[in-house]
Amino acid sequence: MVFVNVKILDRGEPVSIDSIINDLVREDAGHLVGGVGLFIGLVKGVINGSTVTSLEYSAIKEVAEKALNHIAYEIAEKYGLQGVLIYHRIGDLKPGETTLIIAVAGKSRVNVMPALSEALERVKKEVPVFKLEHRSDGDYWIIGDSTRMPRKTS
């Protein structure tokens, strides 16, 4: 049985690494899990030489969570994982704050590490979370993983 947990979290909603690991291995009665891979994304403080004051994330929670759930189950099946957890924050986040947490549990690093990498790339490309970067040189919409488009103001 695969454990999957996905959430869109509000800014400041607490997350414990210990609880993430406990959740991932709770159903592992046969002790098949030999490794947990973890990615934690943070708001960067400098982009292209400009100071980032905040990164504003928005989403329709139900739609974004459905996309996260789809990715989690596909990744679990493809890599034979025992667990997948994906949390994405929304709200106005400051540099250094956590934006994204992905954790996968599997038999070994051989399936855990590629699963973690693919999950991250898919979240960046497939989940409808909108990002507006507020910087010292203006505001920019972030398209995909790194394309920035200036926000037009009237």
N, C-alpha and C. Protein backbone atom coordinates (compact mmCIF):
# COMPACT_ATOMS: atom_id res chain seq x y z
N MET A 1 0.85 -1.19 0.00
CA MET A 1 0.00 0.00 0.00
C MET A 1 0.89 1.25 0.00
N VAL A 2 0.59 2.17 -0.87
CA VAL A 2 1.37 3.40 -1.00
C VAL A 2 0.74 4.51 -0.19
N PHE A 3 1.56 5.22 0.56
CA PHE A 3 1.12 6.40 1.30
C PHE A 3 1.33 7.62 0.42
N VAL A 4 0.28 8.41 0.21
CA VAL A 4 0.39 9.66 -0.55
C VAL A 4 -0.27 10.76 0.27
N ASN A 5 0.43 11.89 0.38
CA ASN A 5 -0.11 13.04 1.09
C ASN A 5 0.31 14.29 0.32
N VAL A 6 -0.67 15.04 -0.18
CA VAL A 6 -0.39 16.30 -0.87
C VAL A 6 -1.23 17.40 -0.24
N LYS A 7 -0.67 18.61 -0.18
CA LYS A 7 -1.38 19.74 0.41
C LYS A 7 -0.89 21.04 -0.20
N ILE A 8 -1.81 21.97 -0.31
CA ILE A 8 -1.46 23.36 -0.56
C ILE A 8 -1.54 24.02 0.81
N LEU A 9 -0.41 24.53 1.29
CA LEU A 9 -0.32 25.11 2.63
C LEU A 9 -0.33 26.62 2.57
N ASP A 10 -0.94 27.23 3.55
CA ASP A 10 -0.87 28.67 3.69
C ASP A 10 0.47 29.07 4.29
N ARG A 11 0.85 30.32 4.06
CA ARG A 11 2.11 30.83 4.62
C ARG A 11 2.09 30.65 6.13
N GLY A 12 3.19 30.15 6.64
CA GLY A 12 3.33 30.02 8.09
C GLY A 12 2.72 28.76 8.68
N GLU A 13 2.00 27.98 7.88
CA GLU A 13 1.44 26.74 8.40
C GLU A 13 2.61 25.80 8.73
N PRO A 14 2.69 25.36 10.00
CA PRO A 14 3.87 24.60 10.42
C PRO A 14 3.97 23.22 9.78
N VAL A 15 5.23 22.82 9.51
CA VAL A 15 5.52 21.50 8.97
C VAL A 15 6.73 20.97 9.73
N SER A 16 6.62 19.74 10.18
CA SER A 16 7.70 19.10 10.92
C SER A 16 8.35 18.03 10.05
N ILE A 17 9.66 18.08 9.91
CA ILE A 17 10.37 17.06 9.15
C ILE A 17 10.16 15.70 9.79
N ASP A 18 10.20 15.63 11.11
CA ASP A 18 9.96 14.36 11.80
C ASP A 18 8.59 13.79 11.46
N SER A 19 7.56 14.64 11.42
CA SER A 19 6.22 14.13 11.10
C SER A 19 6.14 13.66 9.65
N ILE A 20 6.86 14.32 8.75
CA ILE A 20 6.90 13.89 7.35
C ILE A 20 7.49 12.48 7.26
N ILE A 21 8.62 12.28 7.91
CA ILE A 21 9.27 10.96 7.86
C ILE A 21 8.38 9.91 8.52
N ASN A 22 7.81 10.24 9.66
CA ASN A 22 6.91 9.30 10.34
C ASN A 22 5.72 8.94 9.47
N ASP A 23 5.13 9.92 8.80
CA ASP A 23 3.99 9.65 7.90
C ASP A 23 4.40 8.71 6.77
N LEU A 24 5.57 8.95 6.20
CA LEU A 24 6.02 8.16 5.06
C LEU A 24 6.28 6.69 5.41
N VAL A 25 6.71 6.42 6.64
CA VAL A 25 7.05 5.04 7.00
C VAL A 25 6.03 4.38 7.94
N ARG A 26 4.99 5.09 8.30
CA ARG A 26 3.99 4.57 9.24
C ARG A 26 3.38 3.25 8.78
N GLU A 27 3.07 3.15 7.49
CA GLU A 27 2.42 1.95 6.94
C GLU A 27 3.41 0.88 6.50
N ASP A 28 4.70 1.10 6.76
CA ASP A 28 5.75 0.18 6.30
C ASP A 28 6.00 -0.92 7.32
N ALA A 29 4.99 -1.75 7.56
CA ALA A 29 5.09 -2.82 8.56
C ALA A 29 6.19 -3.81 8.22
N GLY A 30 6.44 -4.03 6.93
CA GLY A 30 7.48 -4.97 6.51
C GLY A 30 8.87 -4.37 6.48
N HIS A 31 9.00 -3.10 6.86
CA HIS A 31 10.27 -2.38 6.86
C HIS A 31 10.98 -2.47 5.52
N LEU A 32 10.22 -2.17 4.45
CA LEU A 32 10.78 -2.17 3.10
C LEU A 32 11.53 -0.87 2.79
N VAL A 33 11.16 0.21 3.48
CA VAL A 33 11.77 1.51 3.21
C VAL A 33 13.22 1.50 3.68
N GLY A 34 14.11 1.79 2.73
CA GLY A 34 15.54 1.88 3.04
C GLY A 34 16.07 3.28 2.90
N GLY A 35 15.22 4.18 2.37
CA GLY A 35 15.68 5.55 2.20
C GLY A 35 14.53 6.51 1.99
N VAL A 36 14.73 7.74 2.46
CA VAL A 36 13.78 8.83 2.24
C VAL A 36 14.55 9.95 1.59
N GLY A 37 14.05 10.42 0.45
CA GLY A 37 14.65 11.57 -0.22
C GLY A 37 13.80 12.79 0.06
N LEU A 38 14.44 13.93 0.30
CA LEU A 38 13.73 15.14 0.69
C LEU A 38 14.26 16.33 -0.09
N PHE A 39 13.34 17.11 -0.67
CA PHE A 39 13.69 18.38 -1.31
C PHE A 39 12.90 19.47 -0.60
N ILE A 40 13.59 20.55 -0.24
CA ILE A 40 12.94 21.71 0.36
C ILE A 40 13.32 22.93 -0.48
N GLY A 41 12.32 23.57 -1.09
CA GLY A 41 12.55 24.77 -1.89
C GLY A 41 12.35 26.01 -1.05
N LEU A 42 13.21 27.00 -1.27
CA LEU A 42 13.18 28.25 -0.52
C LEU A 42 13.06 29.43 -1.48
N VAL A 43 12.52 30.54 -0.99
CA VAL A 43 12.50 31.78 -1.77
C VAL A 43 13.92 32.32 -1.81
N LYS A 44 14.40 32.60 -3.03
CA LYS A 44 15.73 33.18 -3.21
C LYS A 44 15.69 34.67 -2.88
N GLY A 45 16.81 35.21 -2.41
CA GLY A 45 16.88 36.62 -2.04
C GLY A 45 17.42 37.53 -3.13
N VAL A 46 18.10 36.95 -4.13
CA VAL A 46 18.67 37.74 -5.22
C VAL A 46 18.46 36.98 -6.52
N ILE A 47 17.90 37.66 -7.52
CA ILE A 47 17.71 37.10 -8.86
C ILE A 47 18.28 38.09 -9.86
N ASN A 48 19.19 37.63 -10.71
CA ASN A 48 19.80 38.47 -11.75
C ASN A 48 20.32 39.79 -11.19
N GLY A 49 20.91 39.74 -10.00
CA GLY A 49 21.48 40.93 -9.38
C GLY A 49 20.49 41.84 -8.69
N SER A 50 19.20 41.52 -8.72
CA SER A 50 18.17 42.33 -8.06
C SER A 50 17.71 41.66 -6.78
N THR A 51 17.42 42.47 -5.77
CA THR A 51 16.96 41.97 -4.49
C THR A 51 15.48 41.58 -4.58
N VAL A 52 15.19 40.37 -4.13
CA VAL A 52 13.81 39.89 -4.07
C VAL A 52 13.25 40.27 -2.70
N THR A 53 12.13 40.99 -2.70
CA THR A 53 11.50 41.35 -1.43
C THR A 53 10.47 40.30 -1.01
N SER A 54 9.81 39.68 -1.99
CA SER A 54 8.88 38.59 -1.68
C SER A 54 8.51 37.85 -2.96
N LEU A 55 7.95 36.68 -2.78
CA LEU A 55 7.45 35.87 -3.89
C LEU A 55 6.03 35.49 -3.52
N GLU A 56 5.09 35.95 -4.32
CA GLU A 56 3.67 35.76 -4.04
C GLU A 56 3.14 34.57 -4.83
N TYR A 57 2.73 33.54 -4.10
CA TYR A 57 2.18 32.32 -4.71
C TYR A 57 0.67 32.33 -4.55
N SER A 58 -0.03 31.96 -5.63
CA SER A 58 -1.48 31.81 -5.55
C SER A 58 -1.91 30.58 -6.34
N ALA A 59 -3.03 30.01 -5.94
CA ALA A 59 -3.54 28.81 -6.61
C ALA A 59 -4.99 28.59 -6.19
N ILE A 60 -5.70 27.86 -6.99
CA ILE A 60 -7.00 27.32 -6.58
C ILE A 60 -6.65 26.00 -5.91
N LYS A 61 -6.80 25.94 -4.60
CA LYS A 61 -6.30 24.80 -3.83
C LYS A 61 -6.75 23.45 -4.37
N GLU A 62 -8.04 23.30 -4.65
CA GLU A 62 -8.56 22.01 -5.08
C GLU A 62 -7.94 21.56 -6.41
N VAL A 63 -7.75 22.49 -7.32
CA VAL A 63 -7.18 22.17 -8.63
C VAL A 63 -5.69 21.82 -8.49
N ALA A 64 -4.97 22.61 -7.71
CA ALA A 64 -3.54 22.35 -7.51
C ALA A 64 -3.33 21.03 -6.77
N GLU A 65 -4.14 20.77 -5.75
CA GLU A 65 -3.99 19.51 -5.01
C GLU A 65 -4.32 18.30 -5.87
N LYS A 66 -5.27 18.44 -6.78
CA LYS A 66 -5.59 17.34 -7.70
C LYS A 66 -4.39 17.04 -8.59
N ALA A 67 -3.73 18.08 -9.10
CA ALA A 67 -2.53 17.89 -9.93
C ALA A 67 -1.39 17.28 -9.12
N LEU A 68 -1.20 17.74 -7.89
CA LEU A 68 -0.17 17.17 -7.02
C LEU A 68 -0.43 15.69 -6.75
N ASN A 69 -1.67 15.36 -6.49
CA ASN A 69 -2.07 13.98 -6.21
C ASN A 69 -1.78 13.07 -7.41
N HIS A 70 -2.12 13.57 -8.60
CA HIS A 70 -1.87 12.83 -9.84
C HIS A 70 -0.37 12.53 -9.99
N ILE A 71 0.44 13.55 -9.80
CA ILE A 71 1.90 13.39 -9.90
C ILE A 71 2.38 12.38 -8.85
N ALA A 72 1.93 12.52 -7.62
CA ALA A 72 2.40 11.66 -6.53
C ALA A 72 2.11 10.19 -6.82
N TYR A 73 0.90 9.89 -7.26
CA TYR A 73 0.56 8.49 -7.54
C TYR A 73 1.34 7.94 -8.74
N GLU A 74 1.50 8.75 -9.78
CA GLU A 74 2.27 8.28 -10.94
C GLU A 74 3.73 8.04 -10.58
N ILE A 75 4.32 8.93 -9.80
CA ILE A 75 5.71 8.78 -9.39
C ILE A 75 5.86 7.53 -8.51
N ALA A 76 4.92 7.33 -7.59
CA ALA A 76 4.98 6.16 -6.70
C ALA A 76 4.94 4.87 -7.50
N GLU A 77 4.05 4.83 -8.48
CA GLU A 77 3.92 3.62 -9.29
C GLU A 77 5.16 3.39 -10.16
N LYS A 78 5.61 4.45 -10.83
CA LYS A 78 6.74 4.34 -11.75
C LYS A 78 8.01 3.86 -11.05
N TYR A 79 8.25 4.35 -9.83
CA TYR A 79 9.50 4.04 -9.13
C TYR A 79 9.34 3.02 -8.01
N GLY A 80 8.15 2.45 -7.86
CA GLY A 80 7.93 1.43 -6.84
C GLY A 80 8.13 1.96 -5.42
N LEU A 81 7.60 3.15 -5.16
CA LEU A 81 7.81 3.80 -3.86
C LEU A 81 6.77 3.34 -2.83
N GLN A 82 7.14 3.47 -1.56
CA GLN A 82 6.20 3.20 -0.48
C GLN A 82 5.45 4.46 -0.07
N GLY A 83 6.00 5.64 -0.39
CA GLY A 83 5.34 6.87 0.00
C GLY A 83 5.81 8.08 -0.78
N VAL A 84 4.88 9.03 -0.97
CA VAL A 84 5.19 10.30 -1.62
C VAL A 84 4.41 11.40 -0.89
N LEU A 85 5.10 12.47 -0.56
CA LEU A 85 4.49 13.61 0.09
C LEU A 85 4.91 14.86 -0.67
N ILE A 86 3.94 15.71 -1.02
CA ILE A 86 4.25 16.97 -1.71
C ILE A 86 3.42 18.07 -1.06
N TYR A 87 4.10 19.07 -0.51
CA TYR A 87 3.44 20.25 0.06
C TYR A 87 3.94 21.48 -0.69
N HIS A 88 3.01 22.33 -1.11
CA HIS A 88 3.37 23.59 -1.78
C HIS A 88 2.68 24.73 -1.04
N ARG A 89 3.43 25.75 -0.70
CA ARG A 89 2.86 26.90 0.01
C ARG A 89 2.28 27.92 -0.96
N ILE A 90 1.29 28.66 -0.46
CA ILE A 90 0.78 29.83 -1.16
C ILE A 90 0.83 31.00 -0.18
N GLY A 91 0.74 32.18 -0.74
CA GLY A 91 0.82 33.40 0.07
C GLY A 91 2.02 34.22 -0.33
N ASP A 92 2.25 35.29 0.40
CA ASP A 92 3.35 36.21 0.13
C ASP A 92 4.54 35.78 0.99
N LEU A 93 5.51 35.12 0.38
CA LEU A 93 6.63 34.54 1.11
C LEU A 93 7.89 35.40 0.95
N LYS A 94 8.65 35.46 2.01
CA LYS A 94 9.88 36.26 2.05
C LYS A 94 11.09 35.39 1.74
N PRO A 95 12.21 36.00 1.32
CA PRO A 95 13.42 35.22 1.08
C PRO A 95 13.78 34.35 2.29
N GLY A 96 14.14 33.11 1.99
CA GLY A 96 14.50 32.16 3.03
C GLY A 96 13.34 31.32 3.52
N GLU A 97 12.10 31.70 3.18
CA GLU A 97 10.95 30.91 3.63
C GLU A 97 10.75 29.70 2.71
N THR A 98 10.20 28.64 3.29
CA THR A 98 9.96 27.40 2.57
C THR A 98 8.78 27.54 1.62
N THR A 99 8.99 27.13 0.36
CA THR A 99 7.92 27.19 -0.63
C THR A 99 7.39 25.81 -1.00
N LEU A 100 8.27 24.83 -1.01
CA LEU A 100 7.92 23.51 -1.54
C LEU A 100 8.65 22.43 -0.76
N ILE A 101 7.92 21.38 -0.40
CA ILE A 101 8.52 20.22 0.25
C ILE A 101 8.07 18.98 -0.51
N ILE A 102 9.05 18.19 -0.95
CA ILE A 102 8.76 16.92 -1.60
C ILE A 102 9.56 15.86 -0.86
N ALA A 103 8.89 14.78 -0.46
CA ALA A 103 9.57 13.67 0.20
C ALA A 103 9.08 12.38 -0.41
N VAL A 104 10.01 11.48 -0.67
CA VAL A 104 9.66 10.16 -1.22
C VAL A 104 10.36 9.09 -0.40
N ALA A 105 9.67 7.97 -0.21
CA ALA A 105 10.23 6.86 0.55
C ALA A 105 10.24 5.63 -0.34
N GLY A 106 11.39 4.94 -0.38
CA GLY A 106 11.50 3.76 -1.22
C GLY A 106 12.51 2.77 -0.67
N LYS A 107 12.72 1.73 -1.43
CA LYS A 107 13.62 0.65 -1.00
C LYS A 107 15.07 1.10 -0.90
N SER A 108 15.50 1.96 -1.83
CA SER A 108 16.89 2.41 -1.80
C SER A 108 17.04 3.70 -2.59
N ARG A 109 18.25 4.23 -2.56
CA ARG A 109 18.54 5.47 -3.31
C ARG A 109 18.33 5.28 -4.81
N VAL A 110 18.41 4.05 -5.27
CA VAL A 110 18.28 3.76 -6.70
C VAL A 110 16.90 4.16 -7.22
N ASN A 111 15.86 4.01 -6.41
CA ASN A 111 14.55 4.46 -6.86
C ASN A 111 14.16 5.80 -6.22
N VAL A 112 14.70 6.12 -5.05
CA VAL A 112 14.32 7.34 -4.34
C VAL A 112 14.82 8.60 -5.05
N MET A 113 16.09 8.64 -5.40
CA MET A 113 16.67 9.88 -5.95
C MET A 113 16.09 10.27 -7.31
N PRO A 114 15.97 9.33 -8.27
CA PRO A 114 15.36 9.75 -9.54
C PRO A 114 13.88 10.11 -9.38
N ALA A 115 13.18 9.46 -8.45
CA ALA A 115 11.78 9.79 -8.21
C ALA A 115 11.65 11.20 -7.66
N LEU A 116 12.52 11.57 -6.74
CA LEU A 116 12.50 12.90 -6.15
C LEU A 116 12.75 13.97 -7.22
N SER A 117 13.73 13.72 -8.06
CA SER A 117 14.06 14.67 -9.13
C SER A 117 12.91 14.83 -10.11
N GLU A 118 12.32 13.71 -10.54
CA GLU A 118 11.21 13.78 -11.49
C GLU A 118 9.99 14.46 -10.87
N ALA A 119 9.71 14.15 -9.61
CA ALA A 119 8.57 14.78 -8.94
C ALA A 119 8.74 16.30 -8.91
N LEU A 120 9.94 16.77 -8.59
CA LEU A 120 10.21 18.21 -8.56
C LEU A 120 9.98 18.84 -9.92
N GLU A 121 10.53 18.26 -10.96
CA GLU A 121 10.37 18.83 -12.30
C GLU A 121 8.90 18.85 -12.73
N ARG A 122 8.17 17.81 -12.39
CA ARG A 122 6.75 17.75 -12.76
C ARG A 122 5.93 18.78 -11.98
N VAL A 123 6.23 18.96 -10.71
CA VAL A 123 5.51 19.97 -9.93
C VAL A 123 5.73 21.34 -10.54
N LYS A 124 6.96 21.65 -10.90
CA LYS A 124 7.28 22.96 -11.49
C LYS A 124 6.54 23.19 -12.81
N LYS A 125 6.32 22.13 -13.58
CA LYS A 125 5.74 22.28 -14.91
C LYS A 125 4.23 22.04 -14.97
N GLU A 126 3.69 21.20 -14.09
CA GLU A 126 2.31 20.74 -14.25
C GLU A 126 1.31 21.29 -13.24
N VAL A 127 1.77 21.82 -12.14
CA VAL A 127 0.83 22.25 -11.10
C VAL A 127 0.51 23.73 -11.28
N PRO A 128 -0.78 24.07 -11.35
CA PRO A 128 -1.16 25.47 -11.59
C PRO A 128 -1.04 26.33 -10.32
N VAL A 129 0.22 26.67 -10.02
CA VAL A 129 0.53 27.61 -8.94
C VAL A 129 1.14 28.82 -9.63
N PHE A 130 0.59 29.99 -9.34
CA PHE A 130 1.02 31.22 -10.00
C PHE A 130 1.97 31.99 -9.09
N LYS A 131 3.08 32.50 -9.70
CA LYS A 131 4.14 33.13 -8.93
C LYS A 131 4.39 34.54 -9.43
N LEU A 132 4.30 35.51 -8.51
CA LEU A 132 4.62 36.90 -8.82
C LEU A 132 5.78 37.30 -7.92
N GLU A 133 6.91 37.59 -8.56
CA GLU A 133 8.13 37.94 -7.84
C GLU A 133 8.23 39.45 -7.69
N HIS A 134 8.35 39.92 -6.47
CA HIS A 134 8.50 41.35 -6.18
C HIS A 134 9.99 41.60 -5.93
N ARG A 135 10.59 42.45 -6.79
CA ARG A 135 12.03 42.69 -6.73
C ARG A 135 12.32 44.19 -6.72
N SER A 136 13.56 44.50 -6.43
CA SER A 136 13.99 45.90 -6.40
C SER A 136 13.88 46.56 -7.77
N ASP A 137 13.86 45.77 -8.85
CA ASP A 137 13.75 46.35 -10.20
C ASP A 137 12.37 46.13 -10.82
N GLY A 138 11.36 45.79 -10.01
CA GLY A 138 10.00 45.62 -10.52
C GLY A 138 9.40 44.28 -10.13
N ASP A 139 8.20 44.05 -10.65
CA ASP A 139 7.47 42.81 -10.38
C ASP A 139 7.49 41.94 -11.63
N TYR A 140 7.67 40.63 -11.44
CA TYR A 140 7.78 39.70 -12.56
C TYR A 140 6.94 38.45 -12.31
N TRP A 141 6.16 38.08 -13.31
CA TRP A 141 5.49 36.79 -13.29
C TRP A 141 6.51 35.73 -13.65
N ILE A 142 6.53 34.64 -12.92
CA ILE A 142 7.44 33.54 -13.22
C ILE A 142 6.64 32.48 -13.97
N ILE A 143 7.09 32.19 -15.18
CA ILE A 143 6.44 31.21 -16.04
C ILE A 143 7.30 29.95 -16.03
N GLY A 144 6.70 28.81 -15.67
CA GLY A 144 7.46 27.57 -15.60
C GLY A 144 8.47 27.64 -14.48
N ASP A 145 9.68 27.21 -14.75
CA ASP A 145 10.69 27.15 -13.71
C ASP A 145 11.51 28.43 -13.59
N SER A 146 11.73 29.14 -14.71
CA SER A 146 12.65 30.28 -14.58
C SER A 146 12.38 31.45 -15.53
N THR A 147 11.43 31.35 -16.43
CA THR A 147 11.16 32.46 -17.34
C THR A 147 10.42 33.56 -16.57
N ARG A 148 10.91 34.79 -16.67
CA ARG A 148 10.31 35.91 -15.97
C ARG A 148 9.78 36.92 -16.98
N MET A 149 8.53 37.32 -16.75
CA MET A 149 7.88 38.33 -17.60
C MET A 149 7.50 39.53 -16.73
N PRO A 150 7.90 40.73 -17.13
CA PRO A 150 7.54 41.90 -16.32
C PRO A 150 6.02 42.03 -16.17
N ARG A 151 5.58 42.37 -14.98
CA ARG A 151 4.15 42.59 -14.74
C ARG A 151 3.79 43.95 -15.31
N LYS A 152 2.80 43.95 -16.14
CA LYS A 152 2.36 45.21 -16.74
C LYS A 152 1.47 45.94 -15.74
N THR A 153 1.73 47.23 -15.57
CA THR A 153 0.92 48.05 -14.68
C THR A 153 0.25 49.13 -15.50
N SER A 154 -0.93 49.51 -15.10
CA SER A 154 -1.68 50.53 -15.85
C SER A 154 -1.40 51.91 -15.34
